[in-house]
């Protein structure tokens, strides 16, 4: 893994995010992939944690941010509209001293407007040290970027703190979406949507795979979705082809 970045073994895939009211693609989440010449495709779960432990997640994360921002800007210049780009931050990235500089530099180098970049944080990341996390988030917001809490509902965030965090989006974890037809998980999803809207936040549901899940989310006012029902994560050329086709979520 120490040499994977310099040898060009990493690449990004992009999963479309769709507006549930219009059915249109309004953004994408950039996802890191590792294609090893001997071992083949290595799952992120197998190397992201190791990269964190070894400190390699900082240069890898910087590469992801620059590459994704450059791609998003290229799609904008090609006439595909102001798509929102979501990029995950690791815990180590979030705490690094030059995070603001890295984000600002990536935006400046690529020409992507800050408002079109969404940085995804986890509940555990922001709750580990609330005071420090709040200050970091405030500084990121000052740059003009959007902030989201990823996998919401799986951590231990306090609602008392949540309303003070300068965030824009809550992402409902796919574990709740997958069992959305069960009463308990349905209640949780409804509560998250209601909570988010009461705080004037948008809600994105992850892992949407069935028409039944989609219908439930639409019925209860979820704003956006991503998942295999519409598309798996795509390589950059495949994502661009999807944009050219103007593919939309079926109204049904």
Protein backbone atom coordinates (compact mmCIF):
# COMPACT_ATOMS: atom_id res chain seq x y z
CA UNK A 1 0.00 0.00 0.00
CA UNK A 2 2.94 2.36 0.56
CA UNK A 3 3.62 2.29 -3.19
CA UNK A 4 0.07 1.91 -4.50
CA UNK A 5 -0.53 5.65 -4.82
CA UNK A 6 2.68 6.45 -6.69
CA UNK A 7 2.18 3.44 -8.96
CA UNK A 8 -1.32 4.54 -9.94
CA UNK A 9 -3.13 1.55 -8.46
CA UNK A 10 -5.85 3.67 -6.84
CA UNK A 11 -8.82 5.02 -8.75
CA UNK A 12 -12.16 6.58 -7.92
CA UNK A 13 -15.67 5.44 -8.65
CA UNK A 14 -18.72 7.66 -8.36
CA UNK A 15 -22.16 6.66 -7.10
CA UNK A 16 -25.00 8.89 -8.34
CA UNK A 17 -27.18 10.73 -5.85
CA UNK A 18 -30.69 11.52 -7.03
CA UNK A 19 -33.33 14.03 -6.05
CA UNK A 20 -36.46 12.08 -5.15
CA UNK A 21 -38.85 14.81 -6.31
CA UNK A 22 -37.43 15.19 -9.83
CA UNK A 23 -35.64 11.87 -10.26
CA UNK A 24 -32.58 13.71 -11.60
CA UNK A 25 -28.94 13.09 -10.73
CA UNK A 26 -27.91 16.01 -8.53
CA UNK A 27 -24.61 14.75 -7.18
CA UNK A 28 -22.26 11.85 -6.59
CA UNK A 29 -20.20 10.29 -3.85
CA UNK A 30 -16.55 9.66 -4.67
CA UNK A 31 -15.40 6.21 -3.52
CA UNK A 32 -11.81 4.98 -3.36
CA UNK A 33 -10.88 1.72 -5.11
CA UNK A 34 -7.59 -0.24 -5.16
CA UNK A 35 -6.73 -2.46 -8.11
CA UNK A 36 -3.60 -4.44 -7.22
CA UNK A 37 -1.64 -5.95 -10.15
CA UNK A 38 -1.35 -9.37 -8.45
CA UNK A 39 -4.13 -9.44 -5.88
CA UNK A 40 -6.76 -7.84 -8.09
CA UNK A 41 -9.48 -5.63 -6.64
CA UNK A 42 -9.05 -5.09 -2.91
CA UNK A 43 -12.14 -4.11 -0.93
CA UNK A 44 -11.95 -0.74 0.88
CA UNK A 45 -12.85 -2.44 4.18
CA UNK A 46 -9.61 -4.41 3.85
CA UNK A 47 -7.26 -1.43 3.53
CA UNK A 48 -8.84 1.82 4.76
CA UNK A 49 -8.38 0.94 8.43
CA UNK A 50 -4.78 -0.10 7.79
CA UNK A 51 -4.11 3.13 5.92
CA UNK A 52 -5.42 5.01 8.98
CA UNK A 53 -3.10 3.12 11.33
CA UNK A 54 -0.05 3.64 9.10
CA UNK A 55 -0.72 7.33 8.51
CA UNK A 56 -1.02 6.75 4.77
CA UNK A 57 -4.61 7.96 4.76
CA UNK A 58 -3.38 11.58 4.70
CA UNK A 59 -1.63 11.48 1.30
CA UNK A 60 -4.26 9.08 -0.05
CA UNK A 61 -7.06 11.34 1.20
CA UNK A 62 -5.42 14.41 -0.33
CA UNK A 63 -5.20 12.57 -3.66
CA UNK A 64 -8.86 11.55 -3.45
CA UNK A 65 -9.92 15.12 -2.74
CA UNK A 66 -7.91 16.67 -5.58
CA UNK A 67 -8.85 13.98 -8.09
CA UNK A 68 -12.55 14.07 -7.26
CA UNK A 69 -12.70 17.88 -7.33
CA UNK A 70 -10.95 17.96 -10.69
CA UNK A 71 -13.38 15.39 -12.11
CA UNK A 72 -16.43 17.21 -10.76
CA UNK A 73 -15.20 20.47 -12.28
CA UNK A 74 -14.55 18.76 -15.62
CA UNK A 75 -18.14 17.49 -15.70
CA UNK A 76 -19.40 20.98 -14.93
CA UNK A 77 -17.34 22.45 -17.76
CA UNK A 78 -18.75 19.76 -20.05
CA UNK A 79 -22.21 21.17 -19.39
CA UNK A 80 -23.56 18.70 -16.82
CA UNK A 81 -24.67 21.34 -14.35
CA UNK A 82 -23.65 22.14 -10.77
CA UNK A 83 -23.39 18.57 -9.49
CA UNK A 84 -22.58 18.24 -5.79
CA UNK A 85 -19.51 16.16 -4.98
CA UNK A 86 -19.41 14.20 -1.71
CA UNK A 87 -16.02 13.11 -0.36
CA UNK A 88 -15.49 11.12 2.83
CA UNK A 89 -13.03 12.37 5.44
CA UNK A 90 -11.28 9.88 7.69
CA UNK A 91 -10.82 10.51 11.40
CA UNK A 92 -7.11 11.18 10.92
CA UNK A 93 -7.76 13.59 8.06
CA UNK A 94 -10.35 15.43 10.11
CA UNK A 95 -7.83 16.06 12.88
CA UNK A 96 -4.83 16.96 10.76
CA UNK A 97 -3.58 20.50 11.25
CA UNK A 98 -3.50 21.42 7.57
CA UNK A 99 -6.99 20.12 6.71
CA UNK A 100 -8.29 23.59 5.86
CA UNK A 101 -5.29 24.28 3.68
CA UNK A 102 -5.66 20.94 1.89
CA UNK A 103 -9.35 21.56 1.13
CA UNK A 104 -8.80 25.17 0.07
CA UNK A 105 -5.85 24.16 -2.13
CA UNK A 106 -7.82 21.39 -3.84
CA UNK A 107 -10.63 23.82 -4.63
CA UNK A 108 -8.24 26.51 -5.86
CA UNK A 109 -6.22 24.12 -8.04
CA UNK A 110 -9.27 22.53 -9.66
CA UNK A 111 -11.55 25.55 -9.88
CA UNK A 112 -14.44 23.77 -8.19
CA UNK A 113 -16.65 26.15 -6.21
CA UNK A 114 -16.67 25.39 -2.50
CA UNK A 115 -20.48 25.23 -2.46
CA UNK A 116 -20.33 22.18 -4.75
CA UNK A 117 -18.15 20.16 -2.36
CA UNK A 118 -19.68 18.16 0.49
CA UNK A 119 -17.39 16.63 3.10
CA UNK A 120 -18.80 13.56 4.83
CA UNK A 121 -18.07 13.01 8.53
CA UNK A 122 -19.14 10.19 10.82
CA UNK A 123 -20.98 10.50 14.12
CA UNK A 124 -18.11 8.96 16.09
CA UNK A 125 -15.68 11.39 14.47
CA UNK A 126 -17.50 14.52 15.60
CA UNK A 127 -18.57 13.17 19.00
CA UNK A 128 -15.09 12.06 20.10
CA UNK A 129 -14.18 15.64 21.02
CA UNK A 130 -17.23 17.83 20.50
CA UNK A 131 -15.53 21.16 21.17
CA UNK A 132 -12.66 20.47 18.80
CA UNK A 133 -14.95 19.00 16.14
CA UNK A 134 -17.28 22.01 16.29
CA UNK A 135 -14.36 24.37 15.76
CA UNK A 136 -13.05 22.36 12.81
CA UNK A 137 -16.50 22.21 11.23
CA UNK A 138 -16.97 25.96 11.69
CA UNK A 139 -13.67 26.59 9.88
CA UNK A 140 -14.66 24.28 7.04
CA UNK A 141 -18.03 26.00 6.73
CA UNK A 142 -16.19 29.33 6.53
CA UNK A 143 -14.57 28.04 3.33
CA UNK A 144 -18.08 27.60 1.91
CA UNK A 145 -18.18 23.80 1.69
CA UNK A 146 -21.16 21.64 2.72
CA UNK A 147 -20.92 19.17 5.61
CA UNK A 148 -22.83 15.94 6.14
CA UNK A 149 -23.06 13.31 8.86
CA UNK A 150 -22.63 9.92 7.21
CA UNK A 151 -24.20 6.65 8.41
CA UNK A 152 -26.49 8.59 10.74
CA UNK A 153 -28.15 6.45 13.39
CA UNK A 154 -25.28 3.99 13.87
CA UNK A 155 -23.17 6.15 16.19
CA UNK A 156 -23.84 7.89 19.45
CA UNK A 157 -24.50 11.52 18.55
CA UNK A 158 -26.40 13.58 21.09
CA UNK A 159 -29.38 15.48 19.79
CA UNK A 160 -28.40 18.32 22.11
CA UNK A 161 -25.13 18.67 20.20
CA UNK A 162 -26.52 17.87 16.77
CA UNK A 163 -28.58 21.03 16.61
CA UNK A 164 -25.44 23.12 17.21
CA UNK A 165 -23.24 21.44 14.62
CA UNK A 166 -22.88 23.50 11.40
CA UNK A 167 -23.98 20.65 9.14
CA UNK A 168 -26.16 20.60 6.04
CA UNK A 169 -27.06 16.95 5.43
CA UNK A 170 -27.88 13.76 7.33
CA UNK A 171 -27.28 10.47 5.52
CA UNK A 172 -29.46 7.58 6.71
CA UNK A 173 -27.37 4.44 7.08
CA UNK A 174 -28.18 1.63 4.67
CA UNK A 175 -28.75 -0.82 7.54
CA UNK A 176 -31.97 1.04 8.37
CA UNK A 177 -32.98 1.41 4.73
CA UNK A 178 -32.52 -2.31 4.02
CA UNK A 179 -35.09 -3.23 6.68
CA UNK A 180 -37.35 -0.26 6.11
CA UNK A 181 -40.44 -2.49 5.83
CA UNK A 182 -39.97 -3.60 9.46
CA UNK A 183 -41.80 -1.45 11.99
CA UNK A 184 -38.78 -0.56 14.14
CA UNK A 185 -36.52 0.51 11.28
CA UNK A 186 -39.40 2.28 9.54
CA UNK A 187 -39.96 4.29 12.71
CA UNK A 188 -36.26 5.17 12.91
CA UNK A 189 -36.16 6.35 9.29
CA UNK A 190 -39.30 8.44 9.74
CA UNK A 191 -37.81 9.97 12.89
CA UNK A 192 -34.51 10.81 11.19
CA UNK A 193 -36.29 12.50 8.28
CA UNK A 194 -38.51 14.47 10.64
CA UNK A 195 -35.57 15.43 12.85
CA UNK A 196 -33.45 16.56 9.91
CA UNK A 197 -36.20 18.67 8.41
CA UNK A 198 -36.96 20.28 11.76
CA UNK A 199 -33.28 21.35 11.85
CA UNK A 200 -33.53 22.53 8.21
CA UNK A 201 -31.20 19.77 7.00
CA UNK A 202 -31.47 17.67 3.86
CA UNK A 203 -31.73 13.88 4.11
CA UNK A 204 -30.03 11.35 1.84
CA UNK A 205 -30.88 7.66 2.12
CA UNK A 206 -28.05 5.24 1.34
CA UNK A 207 -28.32 1.70 0.06
CA UNK A 208 -31.70 1.98 -1.66
CA UNK A 209 -32.19 -1.29 -3.54
CA UNK A 210 -35.94 -1.90 -3.94
CA UNK A 211 -38.99 -0.10 -5.26
CA UNK A 212 -40.64 -0.60 -1.87
CA UNK A 213 -37.81 1.25 -0.11
CA UNK A 214 -38.02 4.05 -2.67
CA UNK A 215 -41.78 4.38 -2.24
CA UNK A 216 -41.44 4.58 1.56
CA UNK A 217 -38.74 7.26 1.34
CA UNK A 218 -40.79 9.33 -1.10
CA UNK A 219 -43.90 8.97 1.02
CA UNK A 220 -42.12 10.29 4.09
CA UNK A 221 -40.36 13.19 2.42
CA UNK A 222 -36.76 12.01 2.08
CA UNK A 223 -34.90 14.46 -0.16
CA UNK A 224 -32.36 12.32 -2.00
CA UNK A 225 -31.16 8.76 -2.42
CA UNK A 226 -28.30 6.64 -3.66
CA UNK A 227 -28.18 2.89 -4.13
CA UNK A 228 -28.21 -0.09 -6.45
CA UNK A 229 -31.87 0.47 -7.38
CA UNK A 230 -30.58 3.22 -9.66
CA UNK A 231 -26.85 2.58 -9.99
CA UNK A 232 -23.81 0.97 -8.48
CA UNK A 233 -20.67 3.11 -8.13
CA UNK A 234 -19.36 3.82 -11.62
CA UNK A 235 -16.00 4.58 -13.16
CA UNK A 236 -15.63 8.16 -14.36
CA UNK A 237 -16.30 7.29 -18.04
CA UNK A 238 -19.38 5.24 -17.11
CA UNK A 239 -20.70 8.02 -14.87
CA UNK A 240 -20.22 10.54 -17.66
CA UNK A 241 -22.09 8.26 -20.06
CA UNK A 242 -24.96 8.13 -17.58
CA UNK A 243 -25.00 11.93 -17.48
CA UNK A 244 -25.01 12.13 -21.29
CA UNK A 245 -27.95 9.72 -21.42
CA UNK A 246 -29.86 11.89 -18.96
CA UNK A 247 -30.88 8.81 -16.99
CA UNK A 248 -33.49 9.47 -14.33
CA UNK A 249 -35.15 7.55 -11.55
CA UNK A 250 -38.39 6.18 -12.90
CA UNK A 251 -41.37 8.23 -11.74
CA UNK A 252 -43.14 5.03 -10.73
